[in-house]
């Protein structure tokens, strides 16, 4: 998504949902996402996901809302960090725009809103967060990077297999912003500490890969391999 100064009530043509879902967008190179992540999404997950798009879209909406909420919490918790304030303010705006767009796509498809418990993914990552500062903040930002990177990888994978052409175009539209979000999180994580964060990134890469590759009894946007097929 292109950086813009428009508010959500004055959306640029690049971010207009009708425009996004009726015009083919340029392909975004996400090879760096594949390099950052430890594993790719399994064919088993994709085969289940493409046949359960209403559930997946509901979870996607929840994820956008949670991502905005997490970024807002960080903005209030770490008010002394100017670069974090600027980058996360933009991220909040974009995540809420995406939330609004997913709700509109759900309405078009007569997908009802209903409560949906979170899967194990984010909790499984955050349970390894260190408890002292700035280490805790570093870990939260690294976890944020992996969540955004996995979202990007799955949007790309889903766009290639689902039968819903408009939704596929929307997922492709999301690739640019999601791939930038993960880079922003990694950059912020390194900017707040004198230690090299590579070791922590490697650690969370292994944790994230295990969550994605291990059997999972629920289908969520970031769930592991379905254990019922």
C-alpha atoms as a PDB file:
ATOM      1  CA  UNK A   1       0.000   0.000   0.000  1.00  0.00           C
ATOM      2  CA  UNK A   2       1.314   3.442  -0.835  1.00  0.00           C
ATOM      3  CA  UNK A   3       2.008   5.815   2.031  1.00  0.00           C
ATOM      4  CA  UNK A   4      -0.562   8.583   1.990  1.00  0.00           C
ATOM      5  CA  UNK A   5      -1.773  11.397   4.204  1.00  0.00           C
ATOM      6  CA  UNK A   6      -5.461  10.810   3.570  1.00  0.00           C
ATOM      7  CA  UNK A   7      -7.707   9.854   6.425  1.00  0.00           C
ATOM      8  CA  UNK A   8      -9.913   6.789   6.247  1.00  0.00           C
ATOM      9  CA  UNK A   9     -12.857   9.030   5.392  1.00  0.00           C
ATOM     10  CA  UNK A  10     -10.942  10.305   2.354  1.00  0.00           C
ATOM     11  CA  UNK A  11      -9.416   7.154   0.917  1.00  0.00           C
ATOM     12  CA  UNK A  12      -7.065   7.419  -2.053  1.00  0.00           C
ATOM     13  CA  UNK A  13      -7.926   5.580  -5.256  1.00  0.00           C
ATOM     14  CA  UNK A  14      -5.136   3.098  -4.515  1.00  0.00           C
ATOM     15  CA  UNK A  15      -6.966   2.080  -1.330  1.00  0.00           C
ATOM     16  CA  UNK A  16     -10.544   2.198  -2.607  1.00  0.00           C
ATOM     17  CA  UNK A  17     -12.009  -1.275  -2.141  1.00  0.00           C
ATOM     18  CA  UNK A  18     -14.042  -1.251  -5.362  1.00  0.00           C
ATOM     19  CA  UNK A  19     -10.930  -0.266  -7.299  1.00  0.00           C
ATOM     20  CA  UNK A  20      -8.784  -2.882  -5.544  1.00  0.00           C
ATOM     21  CA  UNK A  21     -11.144  -5.764  -6.240  1.00  0.00           C
ATOM     22  CA  UNK A  22     -11.896  -4.946  -9.882  1.00  0.00           C
ATOM     23  CA  UNK A  23      -8.427  -4.132 -11.202  1.00  0.00           C
ATOM     24  CA  UNK A  24      -5.415  -6.422 -11.276  1.00  0.00           C
ATOM     25  CA  UNK A  25      -2.634  -5.155  -9.069  1.00  0.00           C
ATOM     26  CA  UNK A  26       1.056  -5.485  -9.834  1.00  0.00           C
ATOM     27  CA  UNK A  27       2.659  -8.497  -8.216  1.00  0.00           C
ATOM     28  CA  UNK A  28       4.663  -7.745  -5.082  1.00  0.00           C
ATOM     29  CA  UNK A  29       7.937  -9.627  -4.688  1.00  0.00           C
ATOM     30  CA  UNK A  30       7.832 -11.344  -1.299  1.00  0.00           C
ATOM     31  CA  UNK A  31      10.970 -13.476  -1.682  1.00  0.00           C
ATOM     32  CA  UNK A  32      12.432 -11.620   1.304  1.00  0.00           C
ATOM     33  CA  UNK A  33       9.412 -12.781   3.346  1.00  0.00           C
ATOM     34  CA  UNK A  34      10.141 -16.394   2.470  1.00  0.00           C
ATOM     35  CA  UNK A  35      13.763 -15.872   3.498  1.00  0.00           C
ATOM     36  CA  UNK A  36      12.740 -14.299   6.801  1.00  0.00           C
ATOM     37  CA  UNK A  37      10.287 -17.055   7.735  1.00  0.00           C
ATOM     38  CA  UNK A  38      11.528 -20.524   8.604  1.00  0.00           C
ATOM     39  CA  UNK A  39       8.852 -22.465   6.716  1.00  0.00           C
ATOM     40  CA  UNK A  40       6.123 -22.000   4.126  1.00  0.00           C
ATOM     41  CA  UNK A  41       2.437 -22.715   4.589  1.00  0.00           C
ATOM     42  CA  UNK A  42       1.549 -26.364   4.105  1.00  0.00           C
ATOM     43  CA  UNK A  43      -0.649 -27.638   1.287  1.00  0.00           C
ATOM     44  CA  UNK A  44      -2.900 -29.188   3.959  1.00  0.00           C
ATOM     45  CA  UNK A  45      -3.596 -25.782   5.512  1.00  0.00           C
ATOM     46  CA  UNK A  46      -4.303 -24.256   2.110  1.00  0.00           C
ATOM     47  CA  UNK A  47      -6.645 -27.082   1.088  1.00  0.00           C
ATOM     48  CA  UNK A  48      -8.743 -26.554   4.227  1.00  0.00           C
ATOM     49  CA  UNK A  49      -8.508 -22.758   4.205  1.00  0.00           C
ATOM     50  CA  UNK A  50      -9.735 -22.283   0.625  1.00  0.00           C
ATOM     51  CA  UNK A  51     -12.904 -24.206   1.501  1.00  0.00           C
ATOM     52  CA  UNK A  52     -13.543 -22.245   4.707  1.00  0.00           C
ATOM     53  CA  UNK A  53     -13.192 -18.641   3.561  1.00  0.00           C
ATOM     54  CA  UNK A  54     -16.039 -17.249   5.737  1.00  0.00           C
ATOM     55  CA  UNK A  55     -14.291 -18.464   8.904  1.00  0.00           C
ATOM     56  CA  UNK A  56     -10.941 -17.262   7.628  1.00  0.00           C
ATOM     57  CA  UNK A  57     -12.290 -13.815   6.751  1.00  0.00           C
ATOM     58  CA  UNK A  58     -13.794 -13.463  10.214  1.00  0.00           C
ATOM     59  CA  UNK A  59     -10.454 -14.333  11.787  1.00  0.00           C
ATOM     60  CA  UNK A  60      -8.694 -11.989   9.358  1.00  0.00           C
ATOM     61  CA  UNK A  61     -10.916  -9.129  10.504  1.00  0.00           C
ATOM     62  CA  UNK A  62     -10.099  -9.930  14.123  1.00  0.00           C
ATOM     63  CA  UNK A  63      -6.390 -10.001  13.290  1.00  0.00           C
ATOM     64  CA  UNK A  64      -6.480  -6.543  11.695  1.00  0.00           C
ATOM     65  CA  UNK A  65      -8.274  -5.136  14.735  1.00  0.00           C
ATOM     66  CA  UNK A  66      -5.848  -6.800  17.149  1.00  0.00           C
ATOM     67  CA  UNK A  67      -2.847  -5.569  15.164  1.00  0.00           C
ATOM     68  CA  UNK A  68      -4.121  -1.999  15.436  1.00  0.00           C
ATOM     69  CA  UNK A  69      -4.775  -2.454  19.158  1.00  0.00           C
ATOM     70  CA  UNK A  70      -1.305  -3.868  19.781  1.00  0.00           C
ATOM     71  CA  UNK A  71       0.315  -0.970  17.943  1.00  0.00           C
ATOM     72  CA  UNK A  72      -1.766   1.543  19.911  1.00  0.00           C
ATOM     73  CA  UNK A  73      -0.724  -0.078  23.200  1.00  0.00           C
ATOM     74  CA  UNK A  74       2.928   0.225  22.185  1.00  0.00           C
ATOM     75  CA  UNK A  75       2.437   3.882  21.260  1.00  0.00           C
ATOM     76  CA  UNK A  76       1.140   4.630  24.768  1.00  0.00           C
ATOM     77  CA  UNK A  77       3.623   2.408  26.583  1.00  0.00           C
ATOM     78  CA  UNK A  78       6.743   3.740  24.871  1.00  0.00           C
ATOM     79  CA  UNK A  79       5.932   7.422  24.386  1.00  0.00           C
ATOM     80  CA  UNK A  80       9.601   8.404  24.644  1.00  0.00           C
ATOM     81  CA  UNK A  81      10.477   6.723  21.323  1.00  0.00           C
ATOM     82  CA  UNK A  82       9.737   9.120  18.480  1.00  0.00           C
ATOM     83  CA  UNK A  83      10.439   6.795  15.541  1.00  0.00           C
ATOM     84  CA  UNK A  84       8.200   4.152  17.084  1.00  0.00           C
ATOM     85  CA  UNK A  85       5.426   6.724  17.473  1.00  0.00           C
ATOM     86  CA  UNK A  86       5.592   7.694  13.815  1.00  0.00           C
ATOM     87  CA  UNK A  87       5.825   4.213  12.315  1.00  0.00           C
ATOM     88  CA  UNK A  88       3.174   2.677  14.544  1.00  0.00           C
ATOM     89  CA  UNK A  89       0.773   5.585  14.036  1.00  0.00           C
ATOM     90  CA  UNK A  90       0.854   4.834  10.308  1.00  0.00           C
ATOM     91  CA  UNK A  91       0.482   1.116  11.004  1.00  0.00           C
ATOM     92  CA  UNK A  92      -2.605   1.712  13.183  1.00  0.00           C
ATOM     93  CA  UNK A  93      -4.224   3.739  10.415  1.00  0.00           C
ATOM     94  CA  UNK A  94      -3.505   1.064   7.826  1.00  0.00           C
ATOM     95  CA  UNK A  95      -4.656  -1.839  10.002  1.00  0.00           C
ATOM     96  CA  UNK A  96      -7.949  -0.106  10.756  1.00  0.00           C
ATOM     97  CA  UNK A  97      -8.442   0.627   7.056  1.00  0.00           C
ATOM     98  CA  UNK A  98      -7.901  -3.077   6.361  1.00  0.00           C
ATOM     99  CA  UNK A  99     -10.331  -3.970   9.151  1.00  0.00           C
ATOM    100  CA  UNK A 100     -12.963  -1.745   7.563  1.00  0.00           C
ATOM    101  CA  UNK A 101     -12.275  -3.282   4.137  1.00  0.00           C
ATOM    102  CA  UNK A 102     -12.546  -6.886   5.384  1.00  0.00           C
ATOM    103  CA  UNK A 103     -15.851  -6.064   7.088  1.00  0.00           C
ATOM    104  CA  UNK A 104     -17.123  -4.680   3.779  1.00  0.00           C
ATOM    105  CA  UNK A 105     -15.996  -7.803   1.921  1.00  0.00           C
ATOM    106  CA  UNK A 106     -17.759  -9.957   4.512  1.00  0.00           C
ATOM    107  CA  UNK A 107     -20.955  -7.940   4.110  1.00  0.00           C
ATOM    108  CA  UNK A 108     -20.821  -8.391   0.323  1.00  0.00           C
ATOM    109  CA  UNK A 109     -20.677 -12.143   0.880  1.00  0.00           C
ATOM    110  CA  UNK A 110     -23.378 -12.220   3.584  1.00  0.00           C
ATOM    111  CA  UNK A 111     -20.871 -13.457   6.149  1.00  0.00           C
ATOM    112  CA  UNK A 112     -22.282 -12.784   9.598  1.00  0.00           C
ATOM    113  CA  UNK A 113     -20.121 -11.385  12.371  1.00  0.00           C
ATOM    114  CA  UNK A 114     -19.757 -13.751  15.310  1.00  0.00           C
ATOM    115  CA  UNK A 115     -17.372 -14.165  18.235  1.00  0.00           C
ATOM    116  CA  UNK A 116     -14.327 -16.232  17.352  1.00  0.00           C
ATOM    117  CA  UNK A 117     -11.810 -17.335  19.991  1.00  0.00           C
ATOM    118  CA  UNK A 118      -8.196 -16.631  19.120  1.00  0.00           C
ATOM    119  CA  UNK A 119      -6.005 -19.509  18.043  1.00  0.00           C
ATOM    120  CA  UNK A 120      -2.776 -20.548  19.748  1.00  0.00           C
ATOM    121  CA  UNK A 121      -0.388 -18.683  17.433  1.00  0.00           C
ATOM    122  CA  UNK A 122       0.172 -15.240  18.979  1.00  0.00           C
ATOM    123  CA  UNK A 123       0.002 -16.605  22.512  1.00  0.00           C
ATOM    124  CA  UNK A 124       2.484 -19.310  21.551  1.00  0.00           C
ATOM    125  CA  UNK A 125       4.941 -16.651  20.406  1.00  0.00           C
ATOM    126  CA  UNK A 126       4.406 -14.159  23.220  1.00  0.00           C
ATOM    127  CA  UNK A 127       4.845 -16.709  26.012  1.00  0.00           C
ATOM    128  CA  UNK A 128       8.585 -16.547  25.224  1.00  0.00           C
ATOM    129  CA  UNK A 129       8.748 -12.759  25.711  1.00  0.00           C
ATOM    130  CA  UNK A 130      11.355 -11.628  28.224  1.00  0.00           C
ATOM    131  CA  UNK A 131      10.034  -9.722  31.224  1.00  0.00           C
ATOM    132  CA  UNK A 132      12.519  -6.850  31.629  1.00  0.00           C
ATOM    133  CA  UNK A 133      13.002  -3.737  29.538  1.00  0.00           C
ATOM    134  CA  UNK A 134      14.090  -3.052  26.890  1.00  0.00           C
ATOM    135  CA  UNK A 135      14.231  -6.810  26.199  1.00  0.00           C
ATOM    136  CA  UNK A 136      10.443  -7.178  26.556  1.00  0.00           C
ATOM    137  CA  UNK A 137       9.834  -4.444  24.016  1.00  0.00           C
ATOM    138  CA  UNK A 138      12.393  -5.967  21.629  1.00  0.00           C
ATOM    139  CA  UNK A 139      10.630  -9.329  21.813  1.00  0.00           C
ATOM    140  CA  UNK A 140       7.149  -7.850  21.306  1.00  0.00           C
ATOM    141  CA  UNK A 141       8.378  -6.040  18.189  1.00  0.00           C
ATOM    142  CA  UNK A 142      10.073  -9.179  16.830  1.00  0.00           C
ATOM    143  CA  UNK A 143       6.882 -11.171  17.414  1.00  0.00           C
ATOM    144  CA  UNK A 144       4.978  -8.432  15.583  1.00  0.00           C
ATOM    145  CA  UNK A 145       7.372  -8.827  12.664  1.00  0.00           C
ATOM    146  CA  UNK A 146       6.730 -12.565  12.423  1.00  0.00           C
ATOM    147  CA  UNK A 147       2.960 -12.119  12.616  1.00  0.00           C
ATOM    148  CA  UNK A 148       3.036  -9.569   9.792  1.00  0.00           C
ATOM    149  CA  UNK A 149       5.424 -11.684   7.704  1.00  0.00           C
ATOM    150  CA  UNK A 150       3.279 -14.809   8.116  1.00  0.00           C
ATOM    151  CA  UNK A 151       0.175 -12.813   7.192  1.00  0.00           C
ATOM    152  CA  UNK A 152       1.915 -11.653   4.030  1.00  0.00           C
ATOM    153  CA  UNK A 153       3.030 -15.188   3.141  1.00  0.00           C
ATOM    154  CA  UNK A 154      -0.481 -16.547   3.607  1.00  0.00           C
ATOM    155  CA  UNK A 155      -2.176 -13.753   1.662  1.00  0.00           C
ATOM    156  CA  UNK A 156       0.101 -14.590  -1.260  1.00  0.00           C
ATOM    157  CA  UNK A 157      -0.448 -18.343  -0.975  1.00  0.00           C
ATOM    158  CA  UNK A 158      -4.228 -17.984  -0.669  1.00  0.00           C
ATOM    159  CA  UNK A 159      -4.485 -15.583  -3.597  1.00  0.00           C
ATOM    160  CA  UNK A 160      -3.118 -18.327  -5.840  1.00  0.00           C
ATOM    161  CA  UNK A 161      -5.633 -21.030  -4.835  1.00  0.00           C
ATOM    162  CA  UNK A 162      -8.992 -19.464  -3.931  1.00  0.00           C
ATOM    163  CA  UNK A 163     -11.864 -19.286  -6.430  1.00  0.00           C
ATOM    164  CA  UNK A 164     -12.992 -15.832  -5.247  1.00  0.00           C
ATOM    165  CA  UNK A 165     -11.283 -13.529  -7.771  1.00  0.00           C
ATOM    166  CA  UNK A 166     -12.115 -10.291  -5.969  1.00  0.00           C
ATOM    167  CA  UNK A 167     -10.832 -11.607  -2.662  1.00  0.00           C
ATOM    168  CA  UNK A 168      -7.662 -12.854  -4.358  1.00  0.00           C
ATOM    169  CA  UNK A 169      -7.056  -9.362  -5.722  1.00  0.00           C
ATOM    170  CA  UNK A 170      -7.576  -7.913  -2.258  1.00  0.00           C
ATOM    171  CA  UNK A 171      -5.050 -10.317  -0.751  1.00  0.00           C
ATOM    172  CA  UNK A 172      -2.518  -9.298  -3.395  1.00  0.00           C
ATOM    173  CA  UNK A 173      -3.179  -5.646  -2.570  1.00  0.00           C
ATOM    174  CA  UNK A 174      -2.283  -6.338   1.070  1.00  0.00           C
ATOM    175  CA  UNK A 175       1.149  -7.774   0.275  1.00  0.00           C
ATOM    176  CA  UNK A 176       2.967  -4.466  -0.011  1.00  0.00           C
ATOM    177  CA  UNK A 177       1.808  -3.031   3.310  1.00  0.00           C
ATOM    178  CA  UNK A 178       2.173  -6.304   5.237  1.00  0.00           C
ATOM    179  CA  UNK A 179       5.703  -6.830   3.951  1.00  0.00           C
ATOM    180  CA  UNK A 180       6.627  -3.286   4.958  1.00  0.00           C
ATOM    181  CA  UNK A 181       5.093  -3.740   8.414  1.00  0.00           C
ATOM    182  CA  UNK A 182       7.370  -6.659   9.226  1.00  0.00           C
ATOM    183  CA  UNK A 183      10.405  -4.648   8.156  1.00  0.00           C
ATOM    184  CA  UNK A 184       9.286  -1.708  10.302  1.00  0.00           C
ATOM    185  CA  UNK A 185       8.918  -3.956  13.348  1.00  0.00           C
ATOM    186  CA  UNK A 186      12.406  -5.445  12.895  1.00  0.00           C
ATOM    187  CA  UNK A 187      13.951  -2.002  12.395  1.00  0.00           C
ATOM    188  CA  UNK A 188      12.237  -0.676  15.526  1.00  0.00           C
ATOM    189  CA  UNK A 189      13.323  -3.698  17.554  1.00  0.00           C
ATOM    190  CA  UNK A 190      16.963  -3.078  16.656  1.00  0.00           C
ATOM    191  CA  UNK A 191      16.694   0.680  17.206  1.00  0.00           C
ATOM    192  CA  UNK A 192      15.802   0.414  20.897  1.00  0.00           C
ATOM    193  CA  UNK A 193      18.683  -1.781  22.035  1.00  0.00           C
ATOM    194  CA  UNK A 194      22.465  -1.856  21.756  1.00  0.00           C
ATOM    195  CA  UNK A 195      22.479  -5.646  21.512  1.00  0.00           C
ATOM    196  CA  UNK A 196      22.304  -7.338  18.134  1.00  0.00           C
ATOM    197  CA  UNK A 197      18.833  -8.812  17.815  1.00  0.00           C
ATOM    198  CA  UNK A 198      19.756 -11.516  15.289  1.00  0.00           C
ATOM    199  CA  UNK A 199      19.887 -14.210  17.969  1.00  0.00           C
ATOM    200  CA  UNK A 200      16.382 -13.349  19.204  1.00  0.00           C
ATOM    201  CA  UNK A 201      15.068 -13.249  15.644  1.00  0.00           C
ATOM    202  CA  UNK A 202      16.538 -16.712  15.048  1.00  0.00           C
ATOM    203  CA  UNK A 203      14.952 -17.965  18.275  1.00  0.00           C
ATOM    204  CA  UNK A 204      11.487 -16.704  17.377  1.00  0.00           C
ATOM    205  CA  UNK A 205      11.881 -18.033  13.826  1.00  0.00           C
ATOM    206  CA  UNK A 206      12.168 -21.536  15.286  1.00  0.00           C
ATOM    207  CA  UNK A 207       9.196 -21.007  17.615  1.00  0.00           C
ATOM    208  CA  UNK A 208       7.072 -19.627  14.791  1.00  0.00           C
ATOM    209  CA  UNK A 209       8.000 -22.457  12.436  1.00  0.00           C
ATOM    210  CA  UNK A 210       7.032 -25.047  15.049  1.00  0.00           C
ATOM    211  CA  UNK A 211       3.614 -23.410  15.497  1.00  0.00           C
ATOM    212  CA  UNK A 212       3.044 -23.388  11.730  1.00  0.00           C
ATOM    213  CA  UNK A 213       4.270 -26.934  11.068  1.00  0.00           C
ATOM    214  CA  UNK A 214       2.765 -28.759  14.050  1.00  0.00           C
ATOM    215  CA  UNK A 215      -0.755 -30.268  14.121  1.00  0.00           C
ATOM    216  CA  UNK A 216      -3.532 -27.835  15.062  1.00  0.00           C
ATOM    217  CA  UNK A 217      -7.136 -28.638  15.949  1.00  0.00           C
ATOM    218  CA  UNK A 218      -8.455 -25.219  14.852  1.00  0.00           C
ATOM    219  CA  UNK A 219      -8.444 -23.321  11.576  1.00  0.00           C
ATOM    220  CA  UNK A 220      -7.270 -19.753  11.927  1.00  0.00           C
ATOM    221  CA  UNK A 221      -5.361 -17.392   9.675  1.00  0.00           C
ATOM    222  CA  UNK A 222      -2.147 -18.260  11.536  1.00  0.00           C
ATOM    223  CA  UNK A 223      -2.955 -21.828  12.579  1.00  0.00           C
ATOM    224  CA  UNK A 224      -0.756 -24.886  12.120  1.00  0.00           C
ATOM    225  CA  UNK A 225      -1.389 -27.974  10.023  1.00  0.00           C
ATOM    226  CA  UNK A 226      -5.026 -29.148  10.344  1.00  0.00           C
ATOM    227  CA  UNK A 227      -5.033 -32.391  12.322  1.00  0.00           C
ATOM    228  CA  UNK A 228      -8.317 -33.674  10.885  1.00  0.00           C
ATOM    229  CA  UNK A 229      -7.162 -34.415   7.318  1.00  0.00           C
END
